[in-house]
Protein backbone atom coordinates (compact mmCIF):
# COMPACT_ATOMS: atom_id res chain seq x y z
CA UNK A 1 0.00 0.00 0.00
CA UNK A 2 2.86 2.40 0.73
CA UNK A 3 2.83 5.60 2.66
CA UNK A 4 -0.31 7.76 2.79
CA UNK A 5 -0.18 10.84 0.57
CA UNK A 6 1.19 13.94 2.25
CA UNK A 7 -1.42 16.61 2.94
CA UNK A 8 -0.93 20.23 1.84
CA UNK A 9 -0.51 21.26 5.48
CA UNK A 10 2.14 18.59 6.06
CA UNK A 11 3.99 19.67 2.93
CA UNK A 12 3.82 23.36 3.94
CA UNK A 13 5.09 22.44 7.41
CA UNK A 14 8.10 20.59 5.91
CA UNK A 15 8.87 23.46 3.53
CA UNK A 16 8.67 25.94 6.43
CA UNK A 17 11.07 23.78 8.46
CA UNK A 18 13.51 23.62 5.53
CA UNK A 19 13.32 27.38 4.97
CA UNK A 20 13.74 28.22 8.67
CA UNK A 21 16.73 25.89 8.93
CA UNK A 22 18.37 27.16 5.73
CA UNK A 23 17.82 30.79 6.66
CA UNK A 24 19.37 30.26 10.08
CA UNK A 25 22.35 28.43 8.57
CA UNK A 26 22.84 31.06 5.84
CA UNK A 27 22.94 33.75 8.55
CA UNK A 28 25.30 31.96 10.93
CA UNK A 29 27.60 30.18 8.47
CA UNK A 30 27.17 31.98 5.17
CA UNK A 31 25.50 30.66 2.04
CA UNK A 32 28.67 29.20 0.51
CA UNK A 33 29.48 27.14 3.61
CA UNK A 34 26.07 25.47 3.83
CA UNK A 35 25.35 22.25 1.96
CA UNK A 36 22.07 20.55 1.13
CA UNK A 37 23.17 17.77 3.48
CA UNK A 38 23.58 20.27 6.34
CA UNK A 39 20.17 21.82 5.65
CA UNK A 40 18.55 18.38 5.57
CA UNK A 41 20.19 17.37 8.86
CA UNK A 42 19.10 20.61 10.52
CA UNK A 43 15.55 20.12 9.26
CA UNK A 44 15.50 16.55 10.59
CA UNK A 45 15.24 14.76 7.26
CA UNK A 46 17.40 12.86 4.84
CA UNK A 47 19.12 14.65 1.99
CA UNK A 48 17.07 12.78 -0.63
CA UNK A 49 13.88 13.87 1.12
CA UNK A 50 15.06 17.49 0.95
CA UNK A 51 15.49 17.15 -2.82
CA UNK A 52 11.79 16.27 -3.11
CA UNK A 53 11.03 19.81 -1.96
CA UNK A 54 13.85 21.82 -3.54
CA UNK A 55 16.07 20.81 -6.48
CA UNK A 56 19.12 22.66 -5.15
CA UNK A 57 20.38 25.17 -2.60
CA UNK A 58 19.84 28.09 -4.96
CA UNK A 59 16.13 27.25 -5.17
CA UNK A 60 15.97 27.42 -1.37
CA UNK A 61 17.74 30.78 -1.45
CA UNK A 62 15.29 32.08 -4.07
CA UNK A 63 12.35 30.93 -1.95
CA UNK A 64 13.76 32.86 1.02
CA UNK A 65 14.33 35.95 -1.11
CA UNK A 66 10.77 35.78 -2.46
CA UNK A 67 9.35 35.69 1.07
CA UNK A 68 11.36 38.79 2.02
CA UNK A 69 10.35 40.74 -1.09
CA UNK A 70 6.69 39.76 -0.76
CA UNK A 71 6.75 41.07 2.80
CA UNK A 72 8.59 44.25 1.77
CA UNK A 73 6.25 45.06 -1.12
CA UNK A 74 3.21 44.44 1.06
CA UNK A 75 4.60 46.99 3.52
CA UNK A 76 5.32 49.46 0.72
CA UNK A 77 1.84 49.01 -0.77
CA UNK A 78 0.08 49.56 2.54
CA UNK A 79 2.42 52.26 3.87
CA UNK A 80 2.06 54.85 1.16
CA UNK A 81 -0.50 57.58 1.69
CA UNK A 82 -2.06 58.07 -1.77
CA UNK A 83 -3.49 61.43 -0.69
CA UNK A 84 0.01 62.91 -0.48
CA UNK A 85 2.09 64.44 -3.27
CA UNK A 86 4.11 62.21 -5.60
CA UNK A 87 7.33 63.37 -3.97
CA UNK A 88 6.02 62.53 -0.50
CA UNK A 89 4.87 59.12 -1.70
CA UNK A 90 8.29 58.42 -3.21
CA UNK A 91 9.89 59.40 0.07
CA UNK A 92 7.52 57.09 1.95
CA UNK A 93 8.42 54.24 -0.41
CA UNK A 94 12.13 54.87 0.09
CA UNK A 95 11.79 55.08 3.86
CA UNK A 96 9.79 51.86 4.07
CA UNK A 97 12.43 50.14 1.93
CA UNK A 98 15.29 51.45 4.08
CA UNK A 99 13.54 50.80 7.38
CA UNK A 100 12.79 47.22 6.33
CA UNK A 101 16.39 46.34 5.51
CA UNK A 102 17.88 48.23 8.46
CA UNK A 103 15.48 46.40 10.77
CA UNK A 104 16.32 43.06 9.10
CA UNK A 105 20.05 43.30 8.51
CA UNK A 106 20.51 39.51 8.39
CA UNK A 107 17.92 39.36 5.61
CA UNK A 108 19.74 42.12 3.73
CA UNK A 109 22.96 40.09 3.94
CA UNK A 110 21.20 36.93 2.70
CA UNK A 111 19.71 38.78 -0.28
CA UNK A 112 22.37 41.25 -1.32
CA UNK A 113 25.62 39.76 -0.11
CA UNK A 114 25.10 36.38 -1.78
CA UNK A 115 25.61 36.05 -5.49
CA UNK A 116 22.75 34.47 -7.41
CA UNK A 117 24.31 31.28 -8.80
CA UNK A 118 21.72 30.25 -11.33
CA UNK A 119 22.42 27.35 -13.69
CA UNK A 120 20.99 29.28 -16.65
CA UNK A 121 19.96 32.87 -17.35
CA UNK A 122 16.29 31.87 -16.95
CA UNK A 123 16.99 30.68 -13.42
CA UNK A 124 18.14 34.02 -12.04
CA UNK A 125 15.86 35.31 -9.31
CA UNK A 126 15.45 38.70 -10.98
CA UNK A 127 14.01 37.01 -14.10
CA UNK A 128 11.04 35.48 -12.32
CA UNK A 129 10.52 37.56 -9.19
CA UNK A 130 8.80 40.51 -10.94
CA UNK A 131 10.56 42.99 -8.65
CA UNK A 132 10.57 45.73 -11.28
CA UNK A 133 6.88 45.14 -12.02
CA UNK A 134 6.04 45.25 -8.31
CA UNK A 135 7.92 48.51 -7.95
CA UNK A 136 6.24 49.99 -11.01
CA UNK A 137 2.79 49.08 -9.66
CA UNK A 138 3.53 51.19 -6.62
CA UNK A 139 5.03 54.05 -8.61
CA UNK A 140 2.81 53.97 -11.74
CA UNK A 141 0.17 56.28 -10.27
CA UNK A 142 2.91 58.81 -9.48
CA UNK A 143 4.32 58.95 -13.00
CA UNK A 144 1.84 61.52 -14.34
CA UNK A 145 2.58 63.91 -11.51
CA UNK A 146 6.32 63.26 -11.71
CA UNK A 147 6.41 63.88 -15.46
CA UNK A 148 6.53 67.61 -14.74
CA UNK A 149 9.88 67.04 -12.98
CA UNK A 150 11.20 63.96 -14.75
CA UNK A 151 11.16 63.41 -18.52
CA UNK A 152 8.61 60.59 -19.10
CA UNK A 153 11.00 58.81 -21.48
CA UNK A 154 13.56 58.49 -18.68
CA UNK A 155 11.13 57.69 -15.85
CA UNK A 156 12.29 54.07 -15.47
CA UNK A 157 15.93 55.21 -15.42
CA UNK A 158 15.04 57.80 -12.78
CA UNK A 159 13.37 55.14 -10.62
CA UNK A 160 16.33 52.79 -11.07
CA UNK A 161 18.66 55.63 -10.04
CA UNK A 162 16.52 56.29 -6.99
CA UNK A 163 16.59 52.61 -6.01
CA UNK A 164 20.38 52.46 -6.52
CA UNK A 165 20.74 55.49 -4.28
CA UNK A 166 18.43 54.12 -1.58
CA UNK A 167 19.99 50.68 -1.78
CA UNK A 168 23.43 52.26 -1.39
CA UNK A 169 22.26 53.96 1.80
CA UNK A 170 21.07 50.60 3.15
CA UNK A 171 24.30 48.86 2.11
CA UNK A 172 26.54 51.45 3.76
CA UNK A 173 24.44 51.74 6.90
CA UNK A 174 24.36 47.97 7.37
CA UNK A 175 27.87 46.96 6.32
CA UNK A 176 29.84 49.95 7.62
CA UNK A 177 28.14 50.18 10.98
CA UNK A 178 31.16 51.71 12.70
CA UNK A 179 30.70 54.95 10.74
CA UNK A 180 28.39 57.55 12.35
CA UNK A 181 25.89 57.82 9.49
CA UNK A 182 23.23 60.51 9.56
CA UNK A 183 19.60 59.51 9.80
CA UNK A 184 18.90 57.89 6.42
CA UNK A 185 15.81 60.05 5.96
CA UNK A 186 18.15 63.03 5.40
CA UNK A 187 19.88 61.22 2.52
CA UNK A 188 16.55 60.48 0.85
CA UNK A 189 15.48 64.12 1.21
CA UNK A 190 18.73 65.31 -0.41
CA UNK A 191 18.22 63.04 -3.45
CA UNK A 192 14.56 63.92 -3.93
CA UNK A 193 15.16 67.65 -3.42
CA UNK A 194 17.98 67.59 -5.94
CA UNK A 195 16.12 65.60 -8.60
CA UNK A 196 12.48 66.67 -8.37
C-alpha atoms as a PDB file:
ATOM      1  CA  UNK A   1       0.000   0.000   0.000  1.00  0.00           C
ATOM      2  CA  UNK A   2       2.864   2.399   0.726  1.00  0.00           C
ATOM      3  CA  UNK A   3       2.829   5.603   2.657  1.00  0.00           C
ATOM      4  CA  UNK A   4      -0.305   7.758   2.790  1.00  0.00           C
ATOM      5  CA  UNK A   5      -0.176  10.836   0.574  1.00  0.00           C
ATOM      6  CA  UNK A   6       1.194  13.937   2.252  1.00  0.00           C
ATOM      7  CA  UNK A   7      -1.423  16.615   2.942  1.00  0.00           C
ATOM      8  CA  UNK A   8      -0.933  20.225   1.843  1.00  0.00           C
ATOM      9  CA  UNK A   9      -0.514  21.258   5.482  1.00  0.00           C
ATOM     10  CA  UNK A  10       2.142  18.591   6.062  1.00  0.00           C
ATOM     11  CA  UNK A  11       3.990  19.671   2.934  1.00  0.00           C
ATOM     12  CA  UNK A  12       3.822  23.357   3.941  1.00  0.00           C
ATOM     13  CA  UNK A  13       5.092  22.436   7.409  1.00  0.00           C
ATOM     14  CA  UNK A  14       8.096  20.590   5.912  1.00  0.00           C
ATOM     15  CA  UNK A  15       8.870  23.464   3.535  1.00  0.00           C
ATOM     16  CA  UNK A  16       8.672  25.937   6.430  1.00  0.00           C
ATOM     17  CA  UNK A  17      11.072  23.778   8.463  1.00  0.00           C
ATOM     18  CA  UNK A  18      13.514  23.620   5.531  1.00  0.00           C
ATOM     19  CA  UNK A  19      13.319  27.380   4.966  1.00  0.00           C
ATOM     20  CA  UNK A  20      13.738  28.220   8.670  1.00  0.00           C
ATOM     21  CA  UNK A  21      16.727  25.887   8.925  1.00  0.00           C
ATOM     22  CA  UNK A  22      18.368  27.155   5.729  1.00  0.00           C
ATOM     23  CA  UNK A  23      17.821  30.791   6.658  1.00  0.00           C
ATOM     24  CA  UNK A  24      19.372  30.260  10.078  1.00  0.00           C
ATOM     25  CA  UNK A  25      22.353  28.430   8.568  1.00  0.00           C
ATOM     26  CA  UNK A  26      22.845  31.057   5.844  1.00  0.00           C
ATOM     27  CA  UNK A  27      22.936  33.754   8.550  1.00  0.00           C
ATOM     28  CA  UNK A  28      25.298  31.959  10.926  1.00  0.00           C
ATOM     29  CA  UNK A  29      27.602  30.176   8.472  1.00  0.00           C
ATOM     30  CA  UNK A  30      27.167  31.977   5.166  1.00  0.00           C
ATOM     31  CA  UNK A  31      25.502  30.658   2.041  1.00  0.00           C
ATOM     32  CA  UNK A  32      28.672  29.202   0.511  1.00  0.00           C
ATOM     33  CA  UNK A  33      29.484  27.138   3.614  1.00  0.00           C
ATOM     34  CA  UNK A  34      26.068  25.474   3.827  1.00  0.00           C
ATOM     35  CA  UNK A  35      25.345  22.250   1.956  1.00  0.00           C
ATOM     36  CA  UNK A  36      22.072  20.547   1.128  1.00  0.00           C
ATOM     37  CA  UNK A  37      23.171  17.765   3.482  1.00  0.00           C
ATOM     38  CA  UNK A  38      23.578  20.267   6.340  1.00  0.00           C
ATOM     39  CA  UNK A  39      20.165  21.824   5.648  1.00  0.00           C
ATOM     40  CA  UNK A  40      18.545  18.384   5.569  1.00  0.00           C
ATOM     41  CA  UNK A  41      20.187  17.370   8.860  1.00  0.00           C
ATOM     42  CA  UNK A  42      19.096  20.615  10.516  1.00  0.00           C
ATOM     43  CA  UNK A  43      15.549  20.123   9.262  1.00  0.00           C
ATOM     44  CA  UNK A  44      15.503  16.554  10.593  1.00  0.00           C
ATOM     45  CA  UNK A  45      15.243  14.755   7.259  1.00  0.00           C
ATOM     46  CA  UNK A  46      17.404  12.859   4.842  1.00  0.00           C
ATOM     47  CA  UNK A  47      19.118  14.654   1.986  1.00  0.00           C
ATOM     48  CA  UNK A  48      17.072  12.785  -0.625  1.00  0.00           C
ATOM     49  CA  UNK A  49      13.882  13.868   1.115  1.00  0.00           C
ATOM     50  CA  UNK A  50      15.057  17.488   0.948  1.00  0.00           C
ATOM     51  CA  UNK A  51      15.494  17.154  -2.823  1.00  0.00           C
ATOM     52  CA  UNK A  52      11.787  16.272  -3.108  1.00  0.00           C
ATOM     53  CA  UNK A  53      11.025  19.812  -1.958  1.00  0.00           C
ATOM     54  CA  UNK A  54      13.850  21.820  -3.538  1.00  0.00           C
ATOM     55  CA  UNK A  55      16.068  20.815  -6.485  1.00  0.00           C
ATOM     56  CA  UNK A  56      19.116  22.661  -5.146  1.00  0.00           C
ATOM     57  CA  UNK A  57      20.381  25.171  -2.600  1.00  0.00           C
ATOM     58  CA  UNK A  58      19.839  28.090  -4.963  1.00  0.00           C
ATOM     59  CA  UNK A  59      16.126  27.248  -5.166  1.00  0.00           C
ATOM     60  CA  UNK A  60      15.971  27.421  -1.367  1.00  0.00           C
ATOM     61  CA  UNK A  61      17.736  30.784  -1.448  1.00  0.00           C
ATOM     62  CA  UNK A  62      15.289  32.077  -4.075  1.00  0.00           C
ATOM     63  CA  UNK A  63      12.355  30.932  -1.951  1.00  0.00           C
ATOM     64  CA  UNK A  64      13.758  32.856   1.018  1.00  0.00           C
ATOM     65  CA  UNK A  65      14.326  35.952  -1.106  1.00  0.00           C
ATOM     66  CA  UNK A  66      10.766  35.778  -2.462  1.00  0.00           C
ATOM     67  CA  UNK A  67       9.351  35.693   1.070  1.00  0.00           C
ATOM     68  CA  UNK A  68      11.360  38.788   2.016  1.00  0.00           C
ATOM     69  CA  UNK A  69      10.355  40.740  -1.091  1.00  0.00           C
ATOM     70  CA  UNK A  70       6.688  39.757  -0.762  1.00  0.00           C
ATOM     71  CA  UNK A  71       6.746  41.075   2.795  1.00  0.00           C
ATOM     72  CA  UNK A  72       8.588  44.250   1.773  1.00  0.00           C
ATOM     73  CA  UNK A  73       6.252  45.064  -1.122  1.00  0.00           C
ATOM     74  CA  UNK A  74       3.207  44.437   1.059  1.00  0.00           C
ATOM     75  CA  UNK A  75       4.603  46.991   3.523  1.00  0.00           C
ATOM     76  CA  UNK A  76       5.317  49.457   0.720  1.00  0.00           C
ATOM     77  CA  UNK A  77       1.844  49.007  -0.767  1.00  0.00           C
ATOM     78  CA  UNK A  78       0.084  49.560   2.544  1.00  0.00           C
ATOM     79  CA  UNK A  79       2.415  52.255   3.874  1.00  0.00           C
ATOM     80  CA  UNK A  80       2.063  54.849   1.158  1.00  0.00           C
ATOM     81  CA  UNK A  81      -0.498  57.580   1.689  1.00  0.00           C
ATOM     82  CA  UNK A  82      -2.060  58.074  -1.769  1.00  0.00           C
ATOM     83  CA  UNK A  83      -3.495  61.426  -0.692  1.00  0.00           C
ATOM     84  CA  UNK A  84       0.007  62.907  -0.475  1.00  0.00           C
ATOM     85  CA  UNK A  85       2.088  64.442  -3.274  1.00  0.00           C
ATOM     86  CA  UNK A  86       4.106  62.212  -5.598  1.00  0.00           C
ATOM     87  CA  UNK A  87       7.334  63.372  -3.973  1.00  0.00           C
ATOM     88  CA  UNK A  88       6.022  62.529  -0.504  1.00  0.00           C
ATOM     89  CA  UNK A  89       4.866  59.116  -1.705  1.00  0.00           C
ATOM     90  CA  UNK A  90       8.291  58.416  -3.211  1.00  0.00           C
ATOM     91  CA  UNK A  91       9.888  59.398   0.068  1.00  0.00           C
ATOM     92  CA  UNK A  92       7.518  57.092   1.950  1.00  0.00           C
ATOM     93  CA  UNK A  93       8.416  54.244  -0.407  1.00  0.00           C
ATOM     94  CA  UNK A  94      12.130  54.874   0.094  1.00  0.00           C
ATOM     95  CA  UNK A  95      11.795  55.085   3.864  1.00  0.00           C
ATOM     96  CA  UNK A  96       9.792  51.859   4.073  1.00  0.00           C
ATOM     97  CA  UNK A  97      12.430  50.140   1.931  1.00  0.00           C
ATOM     98  CA  UNK A  98      15.287  51.452   4.076  1.00  0.00           C
ATOM     99  CA  UNK A  99      13.544  50.803   7.383  1.00  0.00           C
ATOM    100  CA  UNK A 100      12.790  47.225   6.334  1.00  0.00           C
ATOM    101  CA  UNK A 101      16.392  46.339   5.509  1.00  0.00           C
ATOM    102  CA  UNK A 102      17.881  48.231   8.457  1.00  0.00           C
ATOM    103  CA  UNK A 103      15.476  46.403  10.775  1.00  0.00           C
ATOM    104  CA  UNK A 104      16.315  43.058   9.103  1.00  0.00           C
ATOM    105  CA  UNK A 105      20.048  43.300   8.505  1.00  0.00           C
ATOM    106  CA  UNK A 106      20.512  39.511   8.388  1.00  0.00           C
ATOM    107  CA  UNK A 107      17.920  39.361   5.613  1.00  0.00           C
ATOM    108  CA  UNK A 108      19.744  42.122   3.733  1.00  0.00           C
ATOM    109  CA  UNK A 109      22.957  40.094   3.937  1.00  0.00           C
ATOM    110  CA  UNK A 110      21.202  36.935   2.700  1.00  0.00           C
ATOM    111  CA  UNK A 111      19.713  38.778  -0.276  1.00  0.00           C
ATOM    112  CA  UNK A 112      22.367  41.253  -1.321  1.00  0.00           C
ATOM    113  CA  UNK A 113      25.621  39.761  -0.113  1.00  0.00           C
ATOM    114  CA  UNK A 114      25.098  36.380  -1.778  1.00  0.00           C
ATOM    115  CA  UNK A 115      25.608  36.052  -5.494  1.00  0.00           C
ATOM    116  CA  UNK A 116      22.753  34.469  -7.412  1.00  0.00           C
ATOM    117  CA  UNK A 117      24.312  31.282  -8.796  1.00  0.00           C
ATOM    118  CA  UNK A 118      21.717  30.253 -11.334  1.00  0.00           C
ATOM    119  CA  UNK A 119      22.416  27.352 -13.687  1.00  0.00           C
ATOM    120  CA  UNK A 120      20.987  29.283 -16.645  1.00  0.00           C
ATOM    121  CA  UNK A 121      19.962  32.867 -17.353  1.00  0.00           C
ATOM    122  CA  UNK A 122      16.292  31.871 -16.948  1.00  0.00           C
ATOM    123  CA  UNK A 123      16.986  30.676 -13.415  1.00  0.00           C
ATOM    124  CA  UNK A 124      18.143  34.023 -12.041  1.00  0.00           C
ATOM    125  CA  UNK A 125      15.855  35.315  -9.310  1.00  0.00           C
ATOM    126  CA  UNK A 126      15.445  38.696 -10.981  1.00  0.00           C
ATOM    127  CA  UNK A 127      14.011  37.010 -14.098  1.00  0.00           C
ATOM    128  CA  UNK A 128      11.042  35.478 -12.321  1.00  0.00           C
ATOM    129  CA  UNK A 129      10.516  37.561  -9.187  1.00  0.00           C
ATOM    130  CA  UNK A 130       8.803  40.510 -10.939  1.00  0.00           C
ATOM    131  CA  UNK A 131      10.558  42.990  -8.646  1.00  0.00           C
ATOM    132  CA  UNK A 132      10.569  45.728 -11.284  1.00  0.00           C
ATOM    133  CA  UNK A 133       6.881  45.136 -12.021  1.00  0.00           C
ATOM    134  CA  UNK A 134       6.040  45.245  -8.306  1.00  0.00           C
ATOM    135  CA  UNK A 135       7.922  48.506  -7.952  1.00  0.00           C
ATOM    136  CA  UNK A 136       6.243  49.986 -11.007  1.00  0.00           C
ATOM    137  CA  UNK A 137       2.787  49.075  -9.662  1.00  0.00           C
ATOM    138  CA  UNK A 138       3.531  51.186  -6.618  1.00  0.00           C
ATOM    139  CA  UNK A 139       5.033  54.049  -8.612  1.00  0.00           C
ATOM    140  CA  UNK A 140       2.812  53.967 -11.738  1.00  0.00           C
ATOM    141  CA  UNK A 141       0.171  56.284 -10.269  1.00  0.00           C
ATOM    142  CA  UNK A 142       2.913  58.807  -9.477  1.00  0.00           C
ATOM    143  CA  UNK A 143       4.322  58.951 -12.997  1.00  0.00           C
ATOM    144  CA  UNK A 144       1.844  61.517 -14.344  1.00  0.00           C
ATOM    145  CA  UNK A 145       2.576  63.914 -11.511  1.00  0.00           C
ATOM    146  CA  UNK A 146       6.321  63.265 -11.708  1.00  0.00           C
ATOM    147  CA  UNK A 147       6.412  63.877 -15.464  1.00  0.00           C
ATOM    148  CA  UNK A 148       6.527  67.607 -14.744  1.00  0.00           C
ATOM    149  CA  UNK A 149       9.879  67.044 -12.985  1.00  0.00           C
ATOM    150  CA  UNK A 150      11.200  63.957 -14.754  1.00  0.00           C
ATOM    151  CA  UNK A 151      11.163  63.407 -18.517  1.00  0.00           C
ATOM    152  CA  UNK A 152       8.606  60.590 -19.101  1.00  0.00           C
ATOM    153  CA  UNK A 153      11.003  58.811 -21.479  1.00  0.00           C
ATOM    154  CA  UNK A 154      13.558  58.492 -18.677  1.00  0.00           C
ATOM    155  CA  UNK A 155      11.128  57.685 -15.848  1.00  0.00           C
ATOM    156  CA  UNK A 156      12.290  54.075 -15.465  1.00  0.00           C
ATOM    157  CA  UNK A 157      15.929  55.214 -15.417  1.00  0.00           C
ATOM    158  CA  UNK A 158      15.037  57.795 -12.782  1.00  0.00           C
ATOM    159  CA  UNK A 159      13.368  55.145 -10.625  1.00  0.00           C
ATOM    160  CA  UNK A 160      16.332  52.788 -11.067  1.00  0.00           C
ATOM    161  CA  UNK A 161      18.663  55.626 -10.036  1.00  0.00           C
ATOM    162  CA  UNK A 162      16.519  56.293  -6.988  1.00  0.00           C
ATOM    163  CA  UNK A 163      16.593  52.613  -6.013  1.00  0.00           C
ATOM    164  CA  UNK A 164      20.380  52.460  -6.517  1.00  0.00           C
ATOM    165  CA  UNK A 165      20.741  55.491  -4.276  1.00  0.00           C
ATOM    166  CA  UNK A 166      18.431  54.122  -1.579  1.00  0.00           C
ATOM    167  CA  UNK A 167      19.991  50.683  -1.785  1.00  0.00           C
ATOM    168  CA  UNK A 168      23.433  52.262  -1.386  1.00  0.00           C
ATOM    169  CA  UNK A 169      22.256  53.961   1.799  1.00  0.00           C
ATOM    170  CA  UNK A 170      21.070  50.605   3.148  1.00  0.00           C
ATOM    171  CA  UNK A 171      24.297  48.862   2.114  1.00  0.00           C
ATOM    172  CA  UNK A 172      26.540  51.446   3.757  1.00  0.00           C
ATOM    173  CA  UNK A 173      24.437  51.742   6.898  1.00  0.00           C
ATOM    174  CA  UNK A 174      24.360  47.971   7.367  1.00  0.00           C
ATOM    175  CA  UNK A 175      27.870  46.955   6.317  1.00  0.00           C
ATOM    176  CA  UNK A 176      29.843  49.950   7.620  1.00  0.00           C
ATOM    177  CA  UNK A 177      28.136  50.175  10.981  1.00  0.00           C
ATOM    178  CA  UNK A 178      31.159  51.715  12.703  1.00  0.00           C
ATOM    179  CA  UNK A 179      30.700  54.955  10.742  1.00  0.00           C
ATOM    180  CA  UNK A 180      28.394  57.547  12.354  1.00  0.00           C
ATOM    181  CA  UNK A 181      25.887  57.817   9.490  1.00  0.00           C
ATOM    182  CA  UNK A 182      23.228  60.511   9.562  1.00  0.00           C
ATOM    183  CA  UNK A 183      19.596  59.510   9.798  1.00  0.00           C
ATOM    184  CA  UNK A 184      18.901  57.886   6.418  1.00  0.00           C
ATOM    185  CA  UNK A 185      15.814  60.052   5.957  1.00  0.00           C
ATOM    186  CA  UNK A 186      18.149  63.029   5.399  1.00  0.00           C
ATOM    187  CA  UNK A 187      19.881  61.221   2.522  1.00  0.00           C
ATOM    188  CA  UNK A 188      16.550  60.483   0.853  1.00  0.00           C
ATOM    189  CA  UNK A 189      15.485  64.121   1.211  1.00  0.00           C
ATOM    190  CA  UNK A 190      18.730  65.314  -0.414  1.00  0.00           C
ATOM    191  CA  UNK A 191      18.216  63.038  -3.445  1.00  0.00           C
ATOM    192  CA  UNK A 192      14.564  63.925  -3.926  1.00  0.00           C
ATOM    193  CA  UNK A 193      15.162  67.646  -3.418  1.00  0.00           C
ATOM    194  CA  UNK A 194      17.985  67.589  -5.945  1.00  0.00           C
ATOM    195  CA  UNK A 195      16.121  65.601  -8.603  1.00  0.00           C
ATOM    196  CA  UNK A 196      12.480  66.675  -8.365  1.00  0.00           C
END
